[in-house]
Amino acid sequence: MLAIRLTRQGAKKKPFYRVVVAEKRAKRDGRFVEIVGYYNPCREPVELKLDHDRISYWIKCGAQPTDTVKNLIRKSEQQQQSAGN
């Protein structure tokens, strides 16, 4: 089973995260299938970039996003809507 989840990158106390599609049983920072975005909470304002087309493709294929990734997807969609208005 596939999961859409975060992998931690960056230095100690300065993390940034990649949003990846990975096998559910794989290690957190281990093997993944595809990178579909990134999230950097250390920047001001927070950097968040997601490829919504690929995320929806993987969800249709059966991948399940984690709770954190669901929240990030929702936040990213809200940013796109507010930027579009």
C-alpha atoms as a PDB file:
ATOM      1  CA  MET A   1       0.000   0.000   0.000  1.00  0.00           C
ATOM      2  CA  LEU A   2       1.239   3.494  -0.872  1.00  0.00           C
ATOM      3  CA  ALA A   3       1.238   6.556   1.373  1.00  0.00           C
ATOM      4  CA  ILE A   4       1.742  10.237   0.638  1.00  0.00           C
ATOM      5  CA  ARG A   5       3.879  11.495   3.490  1.00  0.00           C
ATOM      6  CA  LEU A   6       6.712  13.782   4.584  1.00  0.00           C
ATOM      7  CA  THR A   7      10.416  12.938   4.616  1.00  0.00           C
ATOM      8  CA  ARG A   8      12.713  15.092   6.703  1.00  0.00           C
ATOM      9  CA  GLN A   9      15.657  16.852   5.076  1.00  0.00           C
ATOM     10  CA  GLY A  10      17.996  19.658   6.155  1.00  0.00           C
ATOM     11  CA  ALA A  11      20.351  20.292   9.031  1.00  0.00           C
ATOM     12  CA  LYS A  12      19.806  19.817  12.732  1.00  0.00           C
ATOM     13  CA  LYS A  13      17.241  22.357  14.044  1.00  0.00           C
ATOM     14  CA  LYS A  14      16.642  23.593  10.453  1.00  0.00           C
ATOM     15  CA  PRO A  15      14.354  21.016   8.867  1.00  0.00           C
ATOM     16  CA  PHE A  16      12.528  21.107   5.582  1.00  0.00           C
ATOM     17  CA  TYR A  17      10.352  18.346   4.260  1.00  0.00           C
ATOM     18  CA  ARG A  18       9.687  16.671   0.940  1.00  0.00           C
ATOM     19  CA  VAL A  19       6.201  15.389   0.229  1.00  0.00           C
ATOM     20  CA  VAL A  20       6.691  11.939  -1.295  1.00  0.00           C
ATOM     21  CA  VAL A  21       4.736   8.905  -2.412  1.00  0.00           C
ATOM     22  CA  ALA A  22       6.247   5.877  -0.673  1.00  0.00           C
ATOM     23  CA  GLU A  23       5.446   2.331   0.325  1.00  0.00           C
ATOM     24  CA  LYS A  24       3.721   2.467   3.699  1.00  0.00           C
ATOM     25  CA  ARG A  25       6.217   0.043   5.274  1.00  0.00           C
ATOM     26  CA  ALA A  26       9.328   1.904   4.024  1.00  0.00           C
ATOM     27  CA  LYS A  27      11.412   3.954   6.448  1.00  0.00           C
ATOM     28  CA  ARG A  28      10.498   7.610   6.935  1.00  0.00           C
ATOM     29  CA  ASP A  29      13.550   8.859   5.022  1.00  0.00           C
ATOM     30  CA  GLY A  30      13.979   5.713   2.960  1.00  0.00           C
ATOM     31  CA  ARG A  31      12.967   4.631  -0.515  1.00  0.00           C
ATOM     32  CA  PHE A  32      10.155   6.501  -2.239  1.00  0.00           C
ATOM     33  CA  VAL A  33       8.344   6.360  -5.579  1.00  0.00           C
ATOM     34  CA  GLU A  34       8.011  10.052  -6.451  1.00  0.00           C
ATOM     35  CA  ILE A  35       8.516  13.534  -4.962  1.00  0.00           C
ATOM     36  CA  VAL A  36       5.269  15.507  -5.293  1.00  0.00           C
ATOM     37  CA  GLY A  37       6.167  18.679  -3.387  1.00  0.00           C
ATOM     38  CA  TYR A  38       8.028  20.288  -0.522  1.00  0.00           C
ATOM     39  CA  TYR A  39       7.321  22.134   2.732  1.00  0.00           C
ATOM     40  CA  ASN A  40       9.723  24.482   4.513  1.00  0.00           C
ATOM     41  CA  PRO A  41       8.414  25.652   7.915  1.00  0.00           C
ATOM     42  CA  CYS A  42      11.627  27.577   8.740  1.00  0.00           C
ATOM     43  CA  ARG A  43      11.028  30.285   6.128  1.00  0.00           C
ATOM     44  CA  GLU A  44       8.894  33.342   6.773  1.00  0.00           C
ATOM     45  CA  PRO A  45       6.314  33.054   5.256  1.00  0.00           C
ATOM     46  CA  VAL A  46       6.222  29.254   5.224  1.00  0.00           C
ATOM     47  CA  GLU A  47       7.168  27.744   1.852  1.00  0.00           C
ATOM     48  CA  LEU A  48       4.740  25.156   0.527  1.00  0.00           C
ATOM     49  CA  LYS A  49       4.675  23.844  -3.037  1.00  0.00           C
ATOM     50  CA  LEU A  50       2.650  20.804  -4.080  1.00  0.00           C
ATOM     51  CA  ASP A  51       1.956  19.233  -7.466  1.00  0.00           C
ATOM     52  CA  HIS A  52      -1.821  18.801  -7.119  1.00  0.00           C
ATOM     53  CA  ASP A  53      -2.159  16.915 -10.419  1.00  0.00           C
ATOM     54  CA  ARG A  54       0.287  14.211  -9.331  1.00  0.00           C
ATOM     55  CA  ILE A  55      -1.190  14.035  -5.825  1.00  0.00           C
ATOM     56  CA  SER A  56      -4.689  13.481  -7.201  1.00  0.00           C
ATOM     57  CA  TYR A  57      -3.287  10.853  -9.614  1.00  0.00           C
ATOM     58  CA  TRP A  58      -1.680   8.919  -6.754  1.00  0.00           C
ATOM     59  CA  ILE A  59      -4.817   9.184  -4.601  1.00  0.00           C
ATOM     60  CA  LYS A  60      -6.814   7.693  -7.510  1.00  0.00           C
ATOM     61  CA  CYS A  61      -4.233   4.890  -7.656  1.00  0.00           C
ATOM     62  CA  GLY A  62      -4.902   4.100  -3.987  1.00  0.00           C
ATOM     63  CA  ALA A  63      -2.259   6.104  -2.117  1.00  0.00           C
ATOM     64  CA  GLN A  64      -3.445   7.475   1.204  1.00  0.00           C
ATOM     65  CA  PRO A  65      -2.157  10.840   2.470  1.00  0.00           C
ATOM     66  CA  THR A  66      -1.211  11.124   6.125  1.00  0.00           C
ATOM     67  CA  ASP A  67      -3.133  13.549   8.340  1.00  0.00           C
ATOM     68  CA  THR A  68      -0.330  16.119   8.128  1.00  0.00           C
ATOM     69  CA  VAL A  69      -0.215  15.921   4.341  1.00  0.00           C
ATOM     70  CA  LYS A  70      -4.024  16.274   4.171  1.00  0.00           C
ATOM     71  CA  ASN A  71      -3.723  19.515   6.147  1.00  0.00           C
ATOM     72  CA  LEU A  72      -0.918  20.759   3.873  1.00  0.00           C
ATOM     73  CA  ILE A  73      -2.980  19.977   0.755  1.00  0.00           C
ATOM     74  CA  ARG A  74      -5.920  21.904   2.204  1.00  0.00           C
ATOM     75  CA  LYS A  75      -3.654  24.842   3.108  1.00  0.00           C
ATOM     76  CA  SER A  76      -2.083  24.867  -0.366  1.00  0.00           C
ATOM     77  CA  GLU A  77      -5.502  24.881  -2.063  1.00  0.00           C
ATOM     78  CA  GLN A  78      -6.578  27.815   0.116  1.00  0.00           C
ATOM     79  CA  GLN A  79      -3.429  29.729  -0.876  1.00  0.00           C
ATOM     80  CA  GLN A  80      -4.117  29.102  -4.559  1.00  0.00           C
ATOM     81  CA  GLN A  81      -7.720  30.294  -4.221  1.00  0.00           C
ATOM     82  CA  SER A  82      -6.751  33.465  -2.364  1.00  0.00           C
ATOM     83  CA  ALA A  83      -3.994  34.220  -4.897  1.00  0.00           C
ATOM     84  CA  GLY A  84      -6.460  33.662  -7.744  1.00  0.00           C
ATOM     85  CA  ASN A  85      -8.986  36.206  -6.394  1.00  0.00           C
END
